[in-house]
């Protein structure tokens, strides 16, 4: 398919920041040679494209602002939503499309910290190569993260329940306090176990209920897809658990120690050995349920903190097949719809 009208969403805080990401947006629009660009005000995209039609959105910041631009662009009937940001931003926009019931595809430009998931069409350094490209649409699966019965987000790498997230600060990876991040505060955080005596992780499937882990053994919960060759968490999520070898689409590991961290002191690590974990595969009809965690354990989807969990809260993780459409660069000679 060829793109004529696009919605453009820029995350000014991803990766190297607003100026860099707006420059990427300029180059991308020039390469695509689209007729009309719908985008948000200021650093959300309007500063980059002088000819763009700037959408009127509420005065919002962060995830809410990006999703508002996406929702407004969808109402304009765009051919695709072009998103420049990290995995978290791309997941936010995918969720906005999913909630609205649209089939509009995403053209994802990786400009964030990790850029590993299926929502990535190309990396930021490759946007000039999109000149006169043709695209095909691919339907992809997602992990759905819910909290007390409410769907909070879709994830395309992983859903993590822990105390910290990995963020980029001044161009360097850093462990950030996940609870503070939800309040728009980027402060360092120390990865720590989140379990207590009441913690319980179960898998519910057609075969019944399986207790995965409980009590203090619930230090971190990580659920993710098994098929990424480049994703550094693949061994944790799929390789060690053999889900990838067996053909299961996803898996869930529960470890007694914090797993998401940018650095680890060797002496401190050796004092925790042996480290124990429990693992289950995750199929399309399965549900992982987590209760009784130590506050504030934080439910995160693709690095986005969603909710601080109290012991009485119930979190669930499941696969949503074919949740979102993504644009892929069509191979030479490949026929696509116009």
Protein backbone atom coordinates (compact mmCIF):
# COMPACT_ATOMS: atom_id res chain seq x y z
CA UNK A 1 0.00 0.00 0.00
CA UNK A 2 1.03 3.61 -0.61
CA UNK A 3 0.47 6.27 2.04
CA UNK A 4 -1.32 9.47 1.12
CA UNK A 5 -2.60 10.80 4.46
CA UNK A 6 -0.93 10.03 7.77
CA UNK A 7 -1.29 10.82 11.43
CA UNK A 8 2.07 11.75 13.00
CA UNK A 9 2.80 11.28 16.71
CA UNK A 10 6.21 12.28 18.10
CA UNK A 11 7.26 11.50 21.65
CA UNK A 12 9.55 14.42 22.54
CA UNK A 13 10.97 12.59 25.58
CA UNK A 14 12.00 9.31 23.91
CA UNK A 15 15.64 8.51 23.30
CA UNK A 16 17.69 11.60 22.47
CA UNK A 17 14.85 14.05 23.05
CA UNK A 18 12.57 16.48 21.23
CA UNK A 19 14.97 18.12 18.75
CA UNK A 20 16.32 14.79 17.55
CA UNK A 21 12.89 13.19 17.21
CA UNK A 22 11.39 16.18 15.41
CA UNK A 23 14.29 16.05 12.96
CA UNK A 24 13.48 12.38 12.34
CA UNK A 25 9.86 13.37 11.67
CA UNK A 26 10.93 15.94 9.06
CA UNK A 27 13.12 13.42 7.23
CA UNK A 28 10.45 10.74 7.36
CA UNK A 29 7.69 12.93 5.91
CA UNK A 30 10.05 14.01 3.11
CA UNK A 31 10.88 10.38 2.35
CA UNK A 32 7.25 9.23 2.33
CA UNK A 33 6.07 12.17 0.16
CA UNK A 34 2.56 12.00 1.60
CA UNK A 35 -0.18 14.45 0.67
CA UNK A 36 -1.45 15.37 4.14
CA UNK A 37 0.00 15.11 7.63
CA UNK A 38 -2.24 15.34 10.70
CA UNK A 39 -0.28 15.86 13.91
CA UNK A 40 -0.28 17.35 17.38
CA UNK A 41 0.82 20.83 18.45
CA UNK A 42 4.40 21.80 19.25
CA UNK A 43 6.84 19.04 20.06
CA UNK A 44 4.19 16.37 19.43
CA UNK A 45 4.82 16.96 15.71
CA UNK A 46 3.62 20.40 14.64
CA UNK A 47 7.04 22.03 15.08
CA UNK A 48 8.55 19.61 12.56
CA UNK A 49 6.10 19.91 9.66
CA UNK A 50 5.18 23.45 8.58
CA UNK A 51 2.47 22.24 6.17
CA UNK A 52 0.85 19.85 8.67
CA UNK A 53 -2.73 20.13 9.81
CA UNK A 54 -2.38 20.52 13.59
CA UNK A 55 -5.12 18.72 15.47
CA UNK A 56 -6.94 20.37 18.35
CA UNK A 57 -6.44 18.21 21.44
CA UNK A 58 -6.98 18.80 25.17
CA UNK A 59 -4.11 20.24 27.21
CA UNK A 60 -2.43 16.97 28.16
CA UNK A 61 1.07 15.63 28.67
CA UNK A 62 2.88 12.31 28.35
CA UNK A 63 0.99 9.18 27.32
CA UNK A 64 -2.38 10.93 27.41
CA UNK A 65 -1.24 13.58 24.90
CA UNK A 66 0.13 11.00 22.45
CA UNK A 67 -3.05 8.94 22.65
CA UNK A 68 -5.20 12.06 22.15
CA UNK A 69 -3.33 12.91 18.93
CA UNK A 70 -3.76 9.34 17.74
CA UNK A 71 -7.50 9.34 18.47
CA UNK A 72 -8.02 12.66 16.66
CA UNK A 73 -6.01 11.48 13.64
CA UNK A 74 -8.05 8.27 13.44
CA UNK A 75 -11.20 10.35 13.13
CA UNK A 76 -9.66 12.02 10.04
CA UNK A 77 -9.49 8.64 8.28
CA UNK A 78 -5.71 8.52 7.87
CA UNK A 79 -4.02 5.68 6.00
CA UNK A 80 -1.61 5.01 8.88
CA UNK A 81 -0.40 6.38 12.18
CA UNK A 82 3.31 7.17 12.08
CA UNK A 83 4.79 6.99 15.57
CA UNK A 84 8.29 8.19 16.50
CA UNK A 85 9.27 6.99 19.95
CA UNK A 86 10.20 3.99 22.03
CA UNK A 87 8.43 0.71 22.67
CA UNK A 88 6.25 2.27 25.35
CA UNK A 89 5.01 5.05 23.06
CA UNK A 90 4.26 2.59 20.28
CA UNK A 91 2.31 0.39 22.70
CA UNK A 92 0.31 3.42 23.86
CA UNK A 93 -0.74 4.24 20.30
CA UNK A 94 -1.54 0.62 19.54
CA UNK A 95 -3.79 0.54 22.59
CA UNK A 96 -5.58 3.72 21.48
CA UNK A 97 -6.31 2.09 18.10
CA UNK A 98 -7.42 -1.14 19.78
CA UNK A 99 -9.76 0.64 22.19
CA UNK A 100 -11.29 2.72 19.40
CA UNK A 101 -11.98 -0.37 17.30
CA UNK A 102 -10.02 0.85 14.25
CA UNK A 103 -7.87 -1.28 11.93
CA UNK A 104 -5.56 1.61 10.96
CA UNK A 105 -1.96 0.31 10.77
CA UNK A 106 1.06 1.70 12.63
CA UNK A 107 4.31 2.74 11.01
CA UNK A 108 6.61 2.56 14.01
CA UNK A 109 9.95 4.37 14.04
CA UNK A 110 12.15 3.20 16.91
CA UNK A 111 13.68 6.22 18.66
CA UNK A 112 13.65 4.99 22.26
CA UNK A 113 15.73 2.96 24.70
CA UNK A 114 15.11 -0.63 23.54
CA UNK A 115 13.11 -0.71 20.26
CA UNK A 116 12.69 -4.48 20.21
CA UNK A 117 9.04 -5.22 19.58
CA UNK A 118 6.85 -6.12 16.65
CA UNK A 119 5.53 -2.55 16.37
CA UNK A 120 8.84 -1.34 14.93
CA UNK A 121 8.76 -0.81 11.14
CA UNK A 122 12.27 0.67 11.09
CA UNK A 123 14.82 2.30 13.37
CA UNK A 124 15.27 6.08 13.45
CA UNK A 125 18.52 5.89 11.46
CA UNK A 126 16.70 4.15 8.59
CA UNK A 127 13.96 6.71 7.84
CA UNK A 128 15.72 8.08 4.75
CA UNK A 129 15.49 4.57 3.25
CA UNK A 130 11.68 4.84 3.21
CA UNK A 131 11.84 7.00 0.06
CA UNK A 132 9.15 5.70 -2.32
CA UNK A 133 8.74 2.51 -0.27
CA UNK A 134 5.72 0.31 -0.67
CA UNK A 135 4.28 -1.29 2.45
CA UNK A 136 2.35 -4.40 3.35
CA UNK A 137 0.10 -4.77 6.39
CA UNK A 138 0.87 -7.41 9.00
CA UNK A 139 -1.46 -8.37 11.84
CA UNK A 140 0.35 -8.99 15.13
CA UNK A 141 -0.45 -10.38 18.57
CA UNK A 142 -0.32 -8.48 21.85
CA UNK A 143 -0.20 -9.16 25.55
CA UNK A 144 -3.11 -7.57 27.39
CA UNK A 145 -2.43 -6.23 30.90
CA UNK A 146 -5.45 -5.74 33.15
CA UNK A 147 -5.92 -4.44 36.67
CA UNK A 148 -8.98 -5.18 38.83
CA UNK A 149 -10.94 -6.21 35.74
CA UNK A 150 -10.00 -3.16 33.63
CA UNK A 151 -7.81 -3.49 30.54
CA UNK A 152 -4.93 -1.06 31.03
CA UNK A 153 -2.65 -1.56 28.03
CA UNK A 154 -1.34 -3.79 25.27
CA UNK A 155 2.30 -4.92 25.27
CA UNK A 156 4.34 -6.21 22.34
CA UNK A 157 7.53 -7.11 24.22
CA UNK A 158 6.59 -7.91 27.77
CA UNK A 159 4.43 -7.22 30.80
CA UNK A 160 6.49 -6.79 33.97
CA UNK A 161 5.46 -6.40 37.59
CA UNK A 162 8.32 -4.90 39.57
CA UNK A 163 9.57 -1.80 41.38
CA UNK A 164 11.61 -0.14 38.61
CA UNK A 165 11.70 0.41 34.86
CA UNK A 166 14.61 0.98 32.48
CA UNK A 167 14.72 4.54 31.14
CA UNK A 168 17.09 6.80 29.24
CA UNK A 169 18.47 9.76 31.21
CA UNK A 170 21.00 12.04 29.50
CA UNK A 171 21.55 9.35 26.87
CA UNK A 172 22.34 6.60 29.38
CA UNK A 173 20.27 3.67 30.64
CA UNK A 174 19.18 4.00 34.24
CA UNK A 175 16.91 2.20 36.70
CA UNK A 176 14.00 4.54 37.44
CA UNK A 177 11.43 4.33 40.22
CA UNK A 178 8.31 3.04 38.43
CA UNK A 179 5.84 4.52 40.91
CA UNK A 180 7.42 7.99 40.65
CA UNK A 181 7.48 7.72 36.84
CA UNK A 182 3.67 7.49 36.82
CA UNK A 183 3.71 10.93 38.48
CA UNK A 184 6.02 12.29 35.74
CA UNK A 185 9.06 12.18 38.03
CA UNK A 186 12.23 10.60 36.66
CA UNK A 187 14.16 9.61 39.77
CA UNK A 188 16.58 6.71 40.27
CA UNK A 189 15.14 3.54 41.73
CA UNK A 190 16.71 0.42 43.20
CA UNK A 191 15.37 -2.87 41.79
CA UNK A 192 13.91 -4.94 44.63
CA UNK A 193 11.70 -8.00 45.12
CA UNK A 194 7.97 -7.23 45.33
CA UNK A 195 6.62 -10.33 47.05
CA UNK A 196 5.23 -10.80 50.55
CA UNK A 197 3.63 -13.69 52.41
CA UNK A 198 0.28 -13.18 50.65
CA UNK A 199 1.67 -13.01 47.09
CA UNK A 200 0.30 -15.56 44.64
CA UNK A 201 0.82 -16.12 40.89
CA UNK A 202 -1.40 -18.64 39.11
CA UNK A 203 -1.94 -19.79 35.54
CA UNK A 204 -5.51 -20.51 34.44
CA UNK A 205 -6.00 -22.67 31.35
CA UNK A 206 -8.31 -25.34 29.96
CA UNK A 207 -6.40 -27.81 32.11
CA UNK A 208 -7.33 -25.90 35.26
CA UNK A 209 -5.37 -23.74 37.69
CA UNK A 210 -1.61 -24.06 38.25
CA UNK A 211 0.18 -22.37 41.12
CA UNK A 212 3.29 -20.81 39.58
CA UNK A 213 4.77 -19.17 42.67
CA UNK A 214 3.75 -17.72 46.03
CA UNK A 215 4.95 -15.79 49.07
CA UNK A 216 8.42 -14.28 49.17
CA UNK A 217 9.35 -16.26 46.04
CA UNK A 218 7.41 -13.71 43.98
CA UNK A 219 10.20 -11.18 43.46
CA UNK A 220 9.48 -10.21 39.84
CA UNK A 221 6.85 -11.29 37.31
CA UNK A 222 7.78 -11.13 33.60
CA UNK A 223 5.49 -12.32 30.78
CA UNK A 224 6.59 -11.94 27.18
CA UNK A 225 6.70 -13.31 23.68
CA UNK A 226 9.29 -15.94 22.85
CA UNK A 227 10.14 -15.22 19.23
CA UNK A 228 12.46 -12.19 19.32
CA UNK A 229 15.99 -13.03 18.24
CA UNK A 230 17.35 -9.58 19.18
CA UNK A 231 15.48 -9.02 22.44
CA UNK A 232 17.85 -9.37 25.39
CA UNK A 233 15.08 -10.76 27.61
CA UNK A 234 14.34 -13.65 25.26
CA UNK A 235 16.44 -16.13 27.22
CA UNK A 236 14.59 -15.25 30.41
CA UNK A 237 11.14 -15.29 28.87
CA UNK A 238 11.38 -18.08 26.32
CA UNK A 239 14.75 -19.71 25.81
CA UNK A 240 15.45 -21.03 29.30
CA UNK A 241 11.81 -22.04 29.74
CA UNK A 242 11.86 -23.95 26.43
CA UNK A 243 8.63 -22.28 25.27
CA UNK A 244 10.31 -21.08 22.09
CA UNK A 245 11.54 -24.58 21.28
CA UNK A 246 8.12 -26.08 21.99
CA UNK A 247 6.33 -23.50 19.83
CA UNK A 248 4.43 -21.69 22.60
CA UNK A 249 3.86 -18.03 21.66
CA UNK A 250 4.68 -16.60 25.10
CA UNK A 251 5.76 -17.48 28.59
CA UNK A 252 5.86 -16.16 32.14
CA UNK A 253 8.74 -16.36 34.60
CA UNK A 254 8.45 -15.54 38.31
CA UNK A 255 11.79 -15.01 40.05
CA UNK A 256 12.52 -14.44 43.72
CA UNK A 257 14.91 -11.61 42.79
CA UNK A 258 14.43 -8.43 40.76
CA UNK A 259 15.10 -9.23 37.09
CA UNK A 260 14.77 -5.83 35.42
CA UNK A 261 17.95 -3.86 36.08
CA UNK A 262 20.61 -1.97 34.14
CA UNK A 263 23.52 -3.00 36.36
CA UNK A 264 24.20 -5.48 39.13
CA UNK A 265 26.92 -5.56 41.75
CA UNK A 266 28.66 -8.93 41.51
CA UNK A 267 29.30 -9.28 45.23
CA UNK A 268 25.67 -8.49 46.03
CA UNK A 269 24.50 -10.90 43.36
CA UNK A 270 26.67 -13.75 44.66
CA UNK A 271 25.17 -13.33 48.11
CA UNK A 272 21.70 -14.09 46.72
CA UNK A 273 22.70 -17.37 45.07
CA UNK A 274 21.20 -19.79 44.33
CA UNK A 275 18.46 -17.78 42.60
CA UNK A 276 15.20 -19.68 42.16
CA UNK A 277 12.48 -19.05 39.60
CA UNK A 278 9.32 -20.71 38.28
CA UNK A 279 8.20 -20.78 34.68
CA UNK A 280 5.07 -21.54 32.65
CA UNK A 281 4.24 -21.23 28.96
CA UNK A 282 1.41 -18.93 27.89
CA UNK A 283 -1.02 -19.98 25.15
CA UNK A 284 -3.84 -18.01 23.55
CA UNK A 285 -6.50 -19.22 26.01
CA UNK A 286 -4.35 -18.93 29.15
CA UNK A 287 -4.46 -16.24 31.84
CA UNK A 288 -1.74 -15.35 34.36
CA UNK A 289 -3.23 -13.93 37.58
CA UNK A 290 -1.23 -12.08 40.24
CA UNK A 291 -2.46 -11.03 43.70
CA UNK A 292 -1.15 -10.08 47.13
CA UNK A 293 1.94 -8.09 46.14
CA UNK A 294 3.89 -5.70 48.33
CA UNK A 295 2.91 -2.05 47.70
CA UNK A 296 3.98 -0.35 45.49
CA UNK A 297 4.67 -3.14 43.04
CA UNK A 298 3.96 -1.60 39.63
CA UNK A 299 2.27 -3.20 36.62
CA UNK A 300 4.16 -2.19 33.45
CA UNK A 301 3.57 -2.85 29.74
CA UNK A 302 6.56 -2.41 27.40
CA UNK A 303 8.23 -0.19 29.98
CA UNK A 304 5.13 1.94 30.65
CA UNK A 305 4.11 1.96 34.35
CA UNK A 306 0.34 1.48 34.53
CA UNK A 307 -0.74 1.00 38.14
CA UNK A 308 0.76 0.72 41.62
CA UNK A 309 -0.60 -2.52 43.05
CA UNK A 310 -1.86 -2.98 46.58
CA UNK A 311 -2.10 -6.46 48.16
CA UNK A 312 -5.86 -6.63 47.45
CA UNK A 313 -5.45 -5.81 43.73
CA UNK A 314 -5.73 -8.44 41.00
CA UNK A 315 -3.62 -8.23 37.83
CA UNK A 316 -4.09 -10.45 34.79
CA UNK A 317 -2.03 -11.06 31.65
CA UNK A 318 -3.30 -12.79 28.50
CA UNK A 319 -2.60 -12.95 24.76
CA UNK A 320 -4.81 -11.02 22.32
CA UNK A 321 -4.25 -12.59 18.87
CA UNK A 322 -4.18 -10.21 15.89
CA UNK A 323 -4.74 -7.16 18.08
CA UNK A 324 -3.07 -4.52 15.86
CA UNK A 325 -1.97 -3.95 12.26
CA UNK A 326 1.61 -2.87 11.53
CA UNK A 327 3.27 -1.70 8.30
CA UNK A 328 6.23 -3.67 6.98
CA UNK A 329 8.42 -2.61 4.08
CA UNK A 330 7.31 -4.70 1.10
CA UNK A 331 9.94 -6.76 -0.66
CA UNK A 332 10.80 -5.89 -4.26
CA UNK A 333 8.11 -7.29 -6.54
CA UNK A 334 5.73 -8.04 -3.67
CA UNK A 335 2.16 -7.09 -4.52
CA UNK A 336 0.33 -4.95 -2.00
CA UNK A 337 -3.04 -3.24 -1.83
CA UNK A 338 -3.10 0.39 -2.92
